[in-house]
N, C-alpha and C. Protein backbone atom coordinates (compact mmCIF):
# COMPACT_ATOMS: atom_id res chain seq x y z
N MET A 1 -6.61 -19.47 -12.88
CA MET A 1 -6.79 -18.56 -11.78
C MET A 1 -7.34 -17.23 -12.29
N LYS A 2 -8.14 -16.60 -11.45
CA LYS A 2 -8.68 -15.29 -11.78
C LYS A 2 -7.98 -14.25 -10.92
N TYR A 3 -7.60 -13.13 -11.55
CA TYR A 3 -6.93 -12.06 -10.84
C TYR A 3 -7.73 -10.78 -10.96
N LYS A 4 -7.62 -9.93 -9.92
CA LYS A 4 -8.18 -8.59 -9.97
C LYS A 4 -7.29 -7.71 -9.11
N TRP A 5 -7.35 -6.40 -9.33
CA TRP A 5 -6.58 -5.47 -8.51
C TRP A 5 -7.30 -5.25 -7.20
N LYS A 6 -6.55 -5.15 -6.11
CA LYS A 6 -7.19 -4.83 -4.84
C LYS A 6 -7.64 -3.37 -4.87
N ASP A 7 -8.49 -3.02 -3.92
CA ASP A 7 -9.06 -1.67 -3.88
C ASP A 7 -7.98 -0.61 -3.96
N LYS A 8 -8.24 0.41 -4.76
CA LYS A 8 -7.39 1.59 -4.93
C LYS A 8 -6.10 1.32 -5.69
N ALA A 9 -5.86 0.09 -6.12
CA ALA A 9 -4.67 -0.20 -6.92
C ALA A 9 -4.91 0.27 -8.35
N GLN A 10 -3.87 0.81 -8.97
CA GLN A 10 -4.00 1.31 -10.33
C GLN A 10 -2.90 0.73 -11.20
N SER A 11 -3.27 0.36 -12.41
CA SER A 11 -2.31 -0.15 -13.37
C SER A 11 -2.88 0.03 -14.76
N PRO A 12 -2.02 0.33 -15.75
CA PRO A 12 -2.51 0.44 -17.12
C PRO A 12 -2.79 -0.91 -17.78
N VAL A 13 -2.47 -1.99 -17.10
CA VAL A 13 -2.65 -3.33 -17.64
C VAL A 13 -3.64 -4.07 -16.74
N LYS A 14 -4.53 -4.83 -17.35
CA LYS A 14 -5.54 -5.58 -16.60
C LYS A 14 -4.89 -6.58 -15.66
N ALA A 15 -5.51 -6.73 -14.50
CA ALA A 15 -4.99 -7.62 -13.47
C ALA A 15 -4.82 -9.05 -13.97
N GLN A 16 -5.75 -9.53 -14.78
CA GLN A 16 -5.68 -10.91 -15.27
C GLN A 16 -4.41 -11.12 -16.10
N ILE A 17 -4.06 -10.13 -16.91
CA ILE A 17 -2.86 -10.24 -17.74
C ILE A 17 -1.62 -10.25 -16.87
N VAL A 18 -1.55 -9.30 -15.93
CA VAL A 18 -0.38 -9.22 -15.05
C VAL A 18 -0.27 -10.49 -14.20
N GLY A 19 -1.36 -10.94 -13.61
CA GLY A 19 -1.33 -12.14 -12.78
C GLY A 19 -0.86 -13.36 -13.54
N THR A 20 -1.35 -13.52 -14.76
CA THR A 20 -0.96 -14.67 -15.58
C THR A 20 0.53 -14.62 -15.90
N ILE A 21 1.03 -13.42 -16.24
CA ILE A 21 2.46 -13.27 -16.55
C ILE A 21 3.31 -13.55 -15.32
N LEU A 22 2.93 -12.97 -14.18
CA LEU A 22 3.72 -13.16 -12.96
C LEU A 22 3.70 -14.62 -12.51
N ASN A 23 2.56 -15.27 -12.65
CA ASN A 23 2.49 -16.69 -12.33
C ASN A 23 3.43 -17.49 -13.23
N GLY A 24 3.47 -17.15 -14.51
CA GLY A 24 4.39 -17.81 -15.44
C GLY A 24 5.85 -17.59 -15.05
N LEU A 25 6.16 -16.37 -14.61
CA LEU A 25 7.54 -16.09 -14.17
C LEU A 25 7.90 -16.92 -12.95
N VAL A 26 6.96 -17.11 -12.04
CA VAL A 26 7.21 -17.96 -10.87
C VAL A 26 7.50 -19.38 -11.32
N GLU A 27 6.67 -19.89 -12.21
CA GLU A 27 6.83 -21.27 -12.69
C GLU A 27 8.17 -21.45 -13.42
N ASN A 28 8.60 -20.44 -14.15
CA ASN A 28 9.85 -20.54 -14.92
C ASN A 28 11.09 -20.30 -14.06
N ASN A 29 10.90 -19.89 -12.79
CA ASN A 29 12.04 -19.58 -11.92
C ASN A 29 11.99 -20.37 -10.62
N ASP A 30 11.60 -21.63 -10.72
CA ASP A 30 11.59 -22.53 -9.55
C ASP A 30 10.83 -21.98 -8.36
N GLY A 31 9.69 -21.32 -8.61
CA GLY A 31 8.85 -20.83 -7.54
C GLY A 31 9.26 -19.50 -6.95
N VAL A 32 10.24 -18.84 -7.55
CA VAL A 32 10.75 -17.58 -7.01
C VAL A 32 10.38 -16.42 -7.94
N LEU A 33 9.85 -15.35 -7.36
CA LEU A 33 9.52 -14.15 -8.12
C LEU A 33 10.21 -12.96 -7.47
N LEU A 34 11.09 -12.30 -8.20
CA LEU A 34 11.80 -11.13 -7.72
C LEU A 34 11.40 -9.90 -8.54
N PRO A 35 11.37 -8.72 -7.92
CA PRO A 35 11.09 -7.50 -8.69
C PRO A 35 12.02 -7.35 -9.88
N SER A 36 13.30 -7.69 -9.72
CA SER A 36 14.25 -7.56 -10.83
C SER A 36 13.89 -8.46 -12.01
N THR A 37 13.30 -9.61 -11.73
CA THR A 37 12.85 -10.51 -12.79
C THR A 37 11.71 -9.86 -13.58
N ILE A 38 10.80 -9.23 -12.86
CA ILE A 38 9.67 -8.55 -13.51
C ILE A 38 10.16 -7.40 -14.37
N VAL A 39 11.11 -6.62 -13.86
CA VAL A 39 11.65 -5.49 -14.64
C VAL A 39 12.32 -6.00 -15.91
N ARG A 40 13.10 -7.08 -15.80
CA ARG A 40 13.75 -7.65 -16.99
C ARG A 40 12.71 -8.10 -18.01
N TYR A 41 11.65 -8.74 -17.53
CA TYR A 41 10.58 -9.20 -18.42
C TYR A 41 9.90 -8.00 -19.11
N ALA A 42 9.72 -6.92 -18.36
CA ALA A 42 8.98 -5.76 -18.87
C ALA A 42 9.80 -4.85 -19.77
N LYS A 43 11.11 -4.98 -19.75
CA LYS A 43 11.97 -4.04 -20.47
C LYS A 43 11.72 -3.99 -21.98
N PRO A 44 11.55 -5.10 -22.67
CA PRO A 44 11.30 -5.00 -24.12
C PRO A 44 10.00 -4.23 -24.40
N LYS A 45 10.02 -3.37 -25.37
CA LYS A 45 8.86 -2.53 -25.68
C LYS A 45 7.63 -3.35 -26.04
N LYS A 46 7.81 -4.56 -26.51
CA LYS A 46 6.67 -5.40 -26.88
C LYS A 46 6.09 -6.17 -25.69
N SER A 47 6.75 -6.08 -24.54
CA SER A 47 6.25 -6.76 -23.35
C SER A 47 4.94 -6.12 -22.90
N PRO A 48 3.93 -6.92 -22.54
CA PRO A 48 2.67 -6.35 -22.04
C PRO A 48 2.85 -5.52 -20.78
N LEU A 49 3.92 -5.76 -20.03
CA LEU A 49 4.16 -5.02 -18.80
C LEU A 49 5.00 -3.76 -19.00
N HIS A 50 5.49 -3.55 -20.20
CA HIS A 50 6.39 -2.42 -20.47
C HIS A 50 5.78 -1.09 -20.02
N ILE A 51 4.49 -0.90 -20.28
CA ILE A 51 3.86 0.39 -19.95
C ILE A 51 3.61 0.58 -18.45
N CYS A 52 3.89 -0.43 -17.67
CA CYS A 52 3.73 -0.31 -16.21
C CYS A 52 4.92 0.39 -15.56
N PHE A 53 5.97 0.64 -16.32
CA PHE A 53 7.21 1.17 -15.75
C PHE A 53 7.63 2.47 -16.45
N GLU A 54 8.36 3.30 -15.70
CA GLU A 54 8.96 4.52 -16.25
C GLU A 54 10.35 4.15 -16.77
N TRP A 55 10.56 4.32 -18.07
CA TRP A 55 11.83 3.91 -18.67
C TRP A 55 12.76 5.08 -18.92
N ASP A 56 12.29 6.29 -18.78
CA ASP A 56 13.15 7.48 -18.90
C ASP A 56 13.97 7.56 -17.61
N ASP A 57 15.29 7.40 -17.73
CA ASP A 57 16.14 7.32 -16.53
C ASP A 57 16.08 8.58 -15.68
N LYS A 58 15.95 9.75 -16.30
CA LYS A 58 15.89 10.98 -15.51
C LYS A 58 14.60 11.02 -14.69
N LYS A 59 13.47 10.68 -15.31
CA LYS A 59 12.20 10.66 -14.58
C LYS A 59 12.20 9.57 -13.52
N ALA A 60 12.73 8.41 -13.88
CA ALA A 60 12.75 7.29 -12.94
C ALA A 60 13.60 7.61 -11.71
N ALA A 61 14.73 8.28 -11.93
CA ALA A 61 15.59 8.65 -10.81
C ALA A 61 14.87 9.59 -9.86
N SER A 62 14.16 10.55 -10.41
CA SER A 62 13.41 11.49 -9.58
C SER A 62 12.30 10.77 -8.81
N LYS A 63 11.58 9.88 -9.49
CA LYS A 63 10.51 9.11 -8.84
C LYS A 63 11.07 8.23 -7.73
N TYR A 64 12.25 7.66 -7.97
CA TYR A 64 12.87 6.81 -6.94
C TYR A 64 13.20 7.63 -5.70
N ARG A 65 13.74 8.84 -5.91
CA ARG A 65 14.05 9.70 -4.77
C ARG A 65 12.77 10.08 -4.01
N GLU A 66 11.68 10.28 -4.74
CA GLU A 66 10.40 10.56 -4.07
C GLU A 66 9.94 9.35 -3.26
N THR A 67 10.17 8.15 -3.80
CA THR A 67 9.86 6.93 -3.07
C THR A 67 10.71 6.84 -1.80
N GLN A 68 11.98 7.20 -1.91
CA GLN A 68 12.84 7.20 -0.73
C GLN A 68 12.36 8.23 0.30
N ALA A 69 11.93 9.40 -0.16
CA ALA A 69 11.42 10.42 0.76
C ALA A 69 10.15 9.92 1.45
N SER A 70 9.28 9.26 0.70
CA SER A 70 8.06 8.70 1.28
C SER A 70 8.41 7.65 2.33
N TYR A 71 9.44 6.87 2.06
CA TYR A 71 9.88 5.87 3.03
C TYR A 71 10.31 6.55 4.34
N LEU A 72 11.04 7.65 4.22
CA LEU A 72 11.46 8.38 5.43
C LEU A 72 10.24 8.84 6.22
N ILE A 73 9.27 9.40 5.52
CA ILE A 73 8.06 9.90 6.18
C ILE A 73 7.32 8.75 6.87
N ARG A 74 7.13 7.64 6.15
CA ARG A 74 6.38 6.50 6.69
C ARG A 74 7.12 5.80 7.82
N SER A 75 8.44 5.94 7.87
CA SER A 75 9.24 5.22 8.84
C SER A 75 9.44 5.97 10.15
N LEU A 76 9.15 7.24 10.17
CA LEU A 76 9.38 8.05 11.36
C LEU A 76 8.25 7.88 12.37
N VAL A 77 8.61 7.66 13.63
CA VAL A 77 7.61 7.51 14.68
C VAL A 77 7.88 8.51 15.80
N LEU A 78 6.84 8.79 16.56
CA LEU A 78 6.95 9.61 17.75
C LEU A 78 7.04 8.70 18.96
N ILE A 79 7.80 9.12 19.93
CA ILE A 79 7.89 8.37 21.18
C ILE A 79 6.99 9.06 22.18
N GLU A 80 6.01 8.33 22.66
CA GLU A 80 5.11 8.85 23.69
C GLU A 80 5.35 8.05 24.96
N ASP A 81 5.40 8.74 26.07
CA ASP A 81 5.63 8.08 27.35
C ASP A 81 4.29 7.84 28.03
N GLU A 82 3.90 6.58 28.10
CA GLU A 82 2.66 6.22 28.79
C GLU A 82 3.02 5.40 30.01
N ASN A 83 2.93 6.05 31.17
CA ASN A 83 3.24 5.38 32.44
C ASN A 83 4.61 4.71 32.43
N GLU A 84 5.59 5.46 32.02
CA GLU A 84 6.99 5.01 31.99
C GLU A 84 7.26 3.91 30.96
N ASN A 85 6.33 3.65 30.07
CA ASN A 85 6.54 2.71 28.97
C ASN A 85 6.51 3.50 27.68
N GLU A 86 7.56 3.37 26.90
CA GLU A 86 7.59 4.08 25.63
C GLU A 86 6.62 3.44 24.64
N VAL A 87 5.83 4.28 24.00
CA VAL A 87 4.89 3.85 22.97
C VAL A 87 5.27 4.58 21.70
N PHE A 88 5.33 3.86 20.61
CA PHE A 88 5.71 4.47 19.34
C PHE A 88 4.49 4.60 18.45
N VAL A 89 4.27 5.80 17.92
CA VAL A 89 3.17 6.04 16.99
C VAL A 89 3.72 6.75 15.76
N ARG A 90 3.05 6.54 14.64
CA ARG A 90 3.49 7.20 13.41
C ARG A 90 3.51 8.71 13.60
N ALA A 91 4.52 9.35 13.06
CA ALA A 91 4.64 10.80 13.17
C ALA A 91 3.79 11.51 12.12
N PHE A 92 3.62 10.88 10.95
CA PHE A 92 2.90 11.48 9.84
C PHE A 92 1.89 10.48 9.28
N VAL A 93 0.80 11.00 8.74
CA VAL A 93 -0.20 10.16 8.09
C VAL A 93 -0.48 10.71 6.70
N SER A 94 -0.86 9.83 5.81
CA SER A 94 -1.21 10.21 4.45
C SER A 94 -2.70 10.52 4.38
N VAL A 95 -3.03 11.68 3.80
CA VAL A 95 -4.43 12.08 3.63
C VAL A 95 -4.63 12.62 2.22
N GLN A 96 -5.88 12.82 1.88
CA GLN A 96 -6.21 13.27 0.52
C GLN A 96 -6.87 14.64 0.58
N ASP A 97 -6.39 15.54 -0.26
CA ASP A 97 -6.99 16.87 -0.37
C ASP A 97 -8.38 16.72 -0.96
N GLU A 98 -9.38 17.27 -0.30
CA GLU A 98 -10.78 17.11 -0.72
C GLU A 98 -11.05 17.73 -2.09
N GLU A 99 -10.39 18.84 -2.40
CA GLU A 99 -10.65 19.54 -3.66
C GLU A 99 -9.90 18.95 -4.84
N SER A 100 -8.60 18.72 -4.67
CA SER A 100 -7.78 18.27 -5.79
C SER A 100 -7.64 16.76 -5.87
N ASN A 101 -8.00 16.04 -4.80
CA ASN A 101 -7.82 14.59 -4.68
C ASN A 101 -6.35 14.18 -4.61
N ASP A 102 -5.43 15.15 -4.50
CA ASP A 102 -4.01 14.83 -4.36
C ASP A 102 -3.75 14.33 -2.94
N ARG A 103 -2.83 13.39 -2.81
CA ARG A 103 -2.46 12.87 -1.50
C ARG A 103 -1.25 13.64 -0.98
N TYR A 104 -1.21 13.79 0.33
CA TYR A 104 -0.08 14.43 0.99
C TYR A 104 0.02 13.88 2.40
N TYR A 105 1.13 14.18 3.07
CA TYR A 105 1.32 13.77 4.45
C TYR A 105 1.10 14.97 5.37
N THR A 106 0.61 14.68 6.57
CA THR A 106 0.48 15.69 7.60
C THR A 106 0.83 15.04 8.94
N THR A 107 1.06 15.87 9.95
CA THR A 107 1.40 15.32 11.26
C THR A 107 0.17 14.66 11.88
N VAL A 108 0.42 13.71 12.73
CA VAL A 108 -0.67 13.04 13.44
C VAL A 108 -1.43 14.07 14.29
N GLN A 109 -0.69 15.00 14.91
CA GLN A 109 -1.33 16.01 15.75
C GLN A 109 -2.33 16.84 14.95
N ARG A 110 -1.96 17.24 13.74
CA ARG A 110 -2.88 18.02 12.90
C ARG A 110 -4.07 17.17 12.47
N ALA A 111 -3.81 15.91 12.16
CA ALA A 111 -4.87 15.04 11.65
C ALA A 111 -5.96 14.81 12.70
N VAL A 112 -5.58 14.70 13.97
CA VAL A 112 -6.59 14.39 14.98
C VAL A 112 -7.43 15.60 15.39
N ILE A 113 -6.95 16.82 15.11
CA ILE A 113 -7.75 17.99 15.50
C ILE A 113 -8.67 18.48 14.39
N ASP A 114 -8.44 18.04 13.16
CA ASP A 114 -9.32 18.43 12.05
C ASP A 114 -10.30 17.29 11.79
N PRO A 115 -11.60 17.52 11.99
CA PRO A 115 -12.57 16.42 11.87
C PRO A 115 -12.56 15.72 10.51
N GLU A 116 -12.45 16.45 9.41
CA GLU A 116 -12.45 15.81 8.09
C GLU A 116 -11.20 14.95 7.89
N THR A 117 -10.06 15.48 8.32
CA THR A 117 -8.82 14.72 8.18
C THR A 117 -8.85 13.49 9.10
N TYR A 118 -9.36 13.67 10.30
CA TYR A 118 -9.45 12.55 11.24
C TYR A 118 -10.37 11.45 10.69
N ASP A 119 -11.46 11.85 10.06
CA ASP A 119 -12.35 10.86 9.43
C ASP A 119 -11.60 10.05 8.37
N GLN A 120 -10.74 10.74 7.60
CA GLN A 120 -9.94 10.02 6.60
C GLN A 120 -8.99 9.03 7.26
N VAL A 121 -8.35 9.46 8.34
CA VAL A 121 -7.40 8.58 9.04
C VAL A 121 -8.14 7.37 9.60
N LEU A 122 -9.31 7.60 10.20
CA LEU A 122 -10.11 6.48 10.71
C LEU A 122 -10.52 5.52 9.60
N GLN A 123 -10.95 6.07 8.47
CA GLN A 123 -11.36 5.24 7.34
C GLN A 123 -10.18 4.43 6.82
N GLN A 124 -8.99 5.07 6.74
CA GLN A 124 -7.80 4.36 6.27
C GLN A 124 -7.42 3.25 7.24
N ALA A 125 -7.51 3.53 8.53
CA ALA A 125 -7.20 2.50 9.53
C ALA A 125 -8.16 1.32 9.38
N TYR A 126 -9.44 1.62 9.22
CA TYR A 126 -10.44 0.56 9.04
C TYR A 126 -10.14 -0.24 7.76
N ASP A 127 -9.83 0.47 6.68
CA ASP A 127 -9.50 -0.21 5.42
C ASP A 127 -8.28 -1.11 5.58
N ASP A 128 -7.27 -0.61 6.32
CA ASP A 128 -6.06 -1.40 6.55
C ASP A 128 -6.38 -2.66 7.35
N TYR A 129 -7.19 -2.50 8.41
CA TYR A 129 -7.56 -3.67 9.22
C TYR A 129 -8.37 -4.68 8.39
N THR A 130 -9.31 -4.19 7.61
CA THR A 130 -10.12 -5.14 6.84
C THR A 130 -9.29 -5.81 5.74
N ALA A 131 -8.33 -5.08 5.18
CA ALA A 131 -7.45 -5.70 4.18
C ALA A 131 -6.62 -6.81 4.83
N LEU A 132 -6.13 -6.54 6.03
CA LEU A 132 -5.37 -7.56 6.76
C LEU A 132 -6.26 -8.75 7.10
N ARG A 133 -7.48 -8.45 7.52
CA ARG A 133 -8.43 -9.52 7.82
C ARG A 133 -8.66 -10.37 6.57
N ASN A 134 -8.89 -9.73 5.45
CA ASN A 134 -9.14 -10.46 4.21
C ASN A 134 -7.92 -11.27 3.77
N LYS A 135 -6.75 -10.74 4.02
CA LYS A 135 -5.52 -11.43 3.64
C LYS A 135 -5.36 -12.74 4.41
N TYR A 136 -5.78 -12.73 5.70
CA TYR A 136 -5.57 -13.89 6.55
C TYR A 136 -6.86 -14.55 7.01
N LYS A 137 -7.96 -14.29 6.32
CA LYS A 137 -9.24 -14.83 6.78
C LYS A 137 -9.29 -16.36 6.73
N HIS A 138 -8.44 -16.98 5.98
CA HIS A 138 -8.41 -18.44 5.90
C HIS A 138 -7.72 -19.08 7.11
N LEU A 139 -7.10 -18.29 7.97
CA LEU A 139 -6.42 -18.83 9.15
C LEU A 139 -7.38 -18.85 10.34
N LYS A 140 -7.76 -20.03 10.77
CA LYS A 140 -8.76 -20.16 11.82
C LYS A 140 -8.31 -19.55 13.14
N GLU A 141 -6.99 -19.45 13.36
CA GLU A 141 -6.48 -18.89 14.61
C GLU A 141 -6.86 -17.41 14.79
N PHE A 142 -7.22 -16.73 13.70
CA PHE A 142 -7.57 -15.32 13.77
C PHE A 142 -9.08 -15.08 13.64
N GLN A 143 -9.87 -16.12 13.72
CA GLN A 143 -11.31 -16.00 13.52
C GLN A 143 -11.94 -15.02 14.51
N LYS A 144 -11.57 -15.10 15.79
CA LYS A 144 -12.16 -14.21 16.80
C LYS A 144 -11.76 -12.75 16.55
N VAL A 145 -10.53 -12.54 16.17
CA VAL A 145 -10.09 -11.17 15.85
C VAL A 145 -10.87 -10.65 14.64
N ASN A 146 -11.04 -11.49 13.64
CA ASN A 146 -11.79 -11.10 12.45
C ASN A 146 -13.23 -10.73 12.79
N GLU A 147 -13.84 -11.48 13.69
CA GLU A 147 -15.22 -11.19 14.10
C GLU A 147 -15.30 -9.83 14.79
N GLU A 148 -14.30 -9.50 15.58
CA GLU A 148 -14.28 -8.19 16.26
C GLU A 148 -14.09 -7.05 15.26
N ILE A 149 -13.23 -7.26 14.28
CA ILE A 149 -13.03 -6.23 13.25
C ILE A 149 -14.33 -6.01 12.48
N ASP A 150 -15.07 -7.08 12.23
CA ASP A 150 -16.33 -6.95 11.52
C ASP A 150 -17.35 -6.12 12.29
N LYS A 151 -17.21 -6.03 13.61
CA LYS A 151 -18.15 -5.26 14.44
C LYS A 151 -17.90 -3.75 14.35
N VAL A 152 -16.69 -3.36 13.96
CA VAL A 152 -16.33 -1.95 13.90
C VAL A 152 -16.97 -1.31 12.66
N LYS A 153 -17.58 -0.16 12.88
CA LYS A 153 -18.20 0.58 11.76
C LYS A 153 -17.60 1.98 11.72
N VAL A 154 -17.10 2.35 10.58
CA VAL A 154 -16.51 3.69 10.38
C VAL A 154 -17.17 4.31 9.17
N GLY A 155 -17.35 5.61 9.23
CA GLY A 155 -17.86 6.35 8.06
C GLY A 155 -19.28 6.39 7.88
């Protein structure tokens, strides 16, 4: 099998190496792959995956709390009343600072009034849809939906 990283994914180890290792872990564990299995495999310093993880417990704890904070941000929705039917929309969106390239979250309301930020949100939505399309393009039941997504042009 050939492996590659999907768009925007980053890792210090080549995708082919990681894919081969993870496939081996699946085979050695009756078809089951758990994150904890990968961490155990990566823990020895000689493991090819060792450099993919933060092993300093103080740094890792801080990073985990940041992950939890990001989860809170991504999980919060706004309730909008559309003709007496509640509609839920994300409260915050992730965008990239044009100068520093750092990512941050902003409110949906701010994102839609700033043209550059809105363009980023539209591009991200398009990327998300096309990634989903690519993930399930082998399912014939979604062929018509896929054709409609292909008609959308952003950017």
